[in-house]
Amino acid sequence: MQILAKKIETDNIAINISNQPNGVYLLQITINGKSTTWKIVKK
């Protein structure tokens, strides 16, 4: 399930997941064709 997809034009962004249920989320960021994925655990 995809919650958010957004093109970012700045160096910093805050993503509010306070309204999302507890669980494990994957954050994938792609810069210049290179992707990095982080696992976020919300308790």
N, C-alpha and C. Protein backbone atom coordinates (compact mmCIF):
# COMPACT_ATOMS: atom_id res chain seq x y z
N MET A 1 0.84 -1.16 0.00
CA MET A 1 0.00 0.00 0.00
C MET A 1 0.89 1.24 0.00
N GLN A 2 0.60 2.16 -0.86
CA GLN A 2 1.36 3.41 -0.91
C GLN A 2 0.57 4.48 -0.19
N ILE A 3 1.22 5.16 0.76
CA ILE A 3 0.55 6.20 1.54
C ILE A 3 0.80 7.58 0.94
N LEU A 4 2.03 7.81 0.47
CA LEU A 4 2.39 9.13 -0.02
C LEU A 4 3.43 9.01 -1.12
N ALA A 5 3.25 9.76 -2.18
CA ALA A 5 4.26 9.89 -3.23
C ALA A 5 4.34 11.36 -3.56
N LYS A 6 5.54 11.92 -3.52
CA LYS A 6 5.66 13.35 -3.69
C LYS A 6 7.00 13.71 -4.31
N LYS A 7 7.00 14.66 -5.23
CA LYS A 7 8.25 15.19 -5.78
C LYS A 7 8.67 16.36 -4.90
N ILE A 8 9.90 16.31 -4.42
CA ILE A 8 10.41 17.31 -3.47
C ILE A 8 11.36 18.25 -4.19
N GLU A 9 11.20 19.54 -3.97
CA GLU A 9 12.05 20.54 -4.60
C GLU A 9 12.93 21.27 -3.58
N THR A 10 13.08 20.71 -2.39
CA THR A 10 13.84 21.35 -1.33
C THR A 10 14.77 20.33 -0.68
N ASP A 11 15.69 20.81 0.14
CA ASP A 11 16.64 19.92 0.81
C ASP A 11 16.04 19.22 2.02
N ASN A 12 15.00 19.78 2.61
CA ASN A 12 14.41 19.23 3.84
C ASN A 12 12.91 19.06 3.68
N ILE A 13 12.40 17.99 4.28
CA ILE A 13 10.95 17.77 4.30
C ILE A 13 10.60 17.01 5.58
N ALA A 14 9.45 17.32 6.12
CA ALA A 14 8.92 16.59 7.28
C ALA A 14 7.69 15.83 6.82
N ILE A 15 7.62 14.56 7.17
CA ILE A 15 6.47 13.73 6.82
C ILE A 15 5.77 13.35 8.11
N ASN A 16 4.52 13.77 8.23
CA ASN A 16 3.74 13.52 9.43
C ASN A 16 3.01 12.18 9.28
N ILE A 17 3.37 11.21 10.10
CA ILE A 17 2.67 9.92 10.09
C ILE A 17 1.88 9.71 11.38
N SER A 18 1.61 10.79 12.10
CA SER A 18 0.91 10.65 13.39
C SER A 18 -0.50 10.10 13.21
N ASN A 19 -1.12 10.32 12.07
CA ASN A 19 -2.47 9.81 11.83
C ASN A 19 -2.48 8.39 11.29
N GLN A 20 -1.31 7.84 11.02
CA GLN A 20 -1.21 6.48 10.50
C GLN A 20 -1.14 5.49 11.68
N PRO A 21 -1.62 4.28 11.49
CA PRO A 21 -1.56 3.29 12.58
C PRO A 21 -0.12 2.87 12.87
N ASN A 22 0.09 2.37 14.09
CA ASN A 22 1.40 1.83 14.46
C ASN A 22 1.76 0.70 13.51
N GLY A 23 3.05 0.56 13.26
CA GLY A 23 3.51 -0.50 12.38
C GLY A 23 4.84 -0.16 11.77
N VAL A 24 5.21 -0.91 10.75
CA VAL A 24 6.48 -0.72 10.06
C VAL A 24 6.20 -0.05 8.72
N TYR A 25 6.93 1.01 8.44
CA TYR A 25 6.78 1.75 7.19
C TYR A 25 8.12 1.77 6.47
N LEU A 26 8.07 1.74 5.16
CA LEU A 26 9.28 1.85 4.35
C LEU A 26 9.27 3.19 3.66
N LEU A 27 10.37 3.92 3.80
CA LEU A 27 10.54 5.22 3.17
C LEU A 27 11.57 5.05 2.07
N GLN A 28 11.17 5.28 0.84
CA GLN A 28 12.09 5.15 -0.29
C GLN A 28 12.30 6.52 -0.89
N ILE A 29 13.57 6.90 -1.01
CA ILE A 29 13.95 8.18 -1.60
C ILE A 29 14.83 7.91 -2.80
N THR A 30 14.51 8.55 -3.91
CA THR A 30 15.30 8.41 -5.13
C THR A 30 15.87 9.77 -5.50
N ILE A 31 17.21 9.82 -5.63
CA ILE A 31 17.92 11.04 -6.01
C ILE A 31 18.84 10.70 -7.16
N ASN A 32 18.68 11.41 -8.26
CA ASN A 32 19.51 11.19 -9.45
C ASN A 32 19.53 9.72 -9.87
N GLY A 33 18.38 9.07 -9.80
CA GLY A 33 18.27 7.68 -10.23
C GLY A 33 18.73 6.64 -9.23
N LYS A 34 19.25 7.06 -8.08
CA LYS A 34 19.69 6.12 -7.04
C LYS A 34 18.67 6.12 -5.91
N SER A 35 18.22 4.92 -5.54
CA SER A 35 17.20 4.79 -4.49
C SER A 35 17.81 4.29 -3.19
N THR A 36 17.29 4.82 -2.10
CA THR A 36 17.65 4.37 -0.76
C THR A 36 16.35 4.12 0.00
N THR A 37 16.30 3.05 0.77
CA THR A 37 15.10 2.71 1.52
C THR A 37 15.43 2.65 3.01
N TRP A 38 14.59 3.29 3.82
CA TRP A 38 14.71 3.24 5.27
C TRP A 38 13.48 2.58 5.85
N LYS A 39 13.67 1.81 6.91
CA LYS A 39 12.56 1.21 7.63
C LYS A 39 12.26 2.08 8.84
N ILE A 40 11.00 2.47 8.99
CA ILE A 40 10.55 3.29 10.11
C ILE A 40 9.56 2.46 10.91
N VAL A 41 9.80 2.35 12.22
CA VAL A 41 8.89 1.60 13.09
C VAL A 41 8.15 2.61 13.96
N LYS A 42 6.84 2.65 13.83
CA LYS A 42 6.01 3.54 14.64
C LYS A 42 5.34 2.71 15.72
N LYS A 43 5.59 3.07 16.98
CA LYS A 43 5.03 2.33 18.12
C LYS A 43 3.93 3.12 18.78
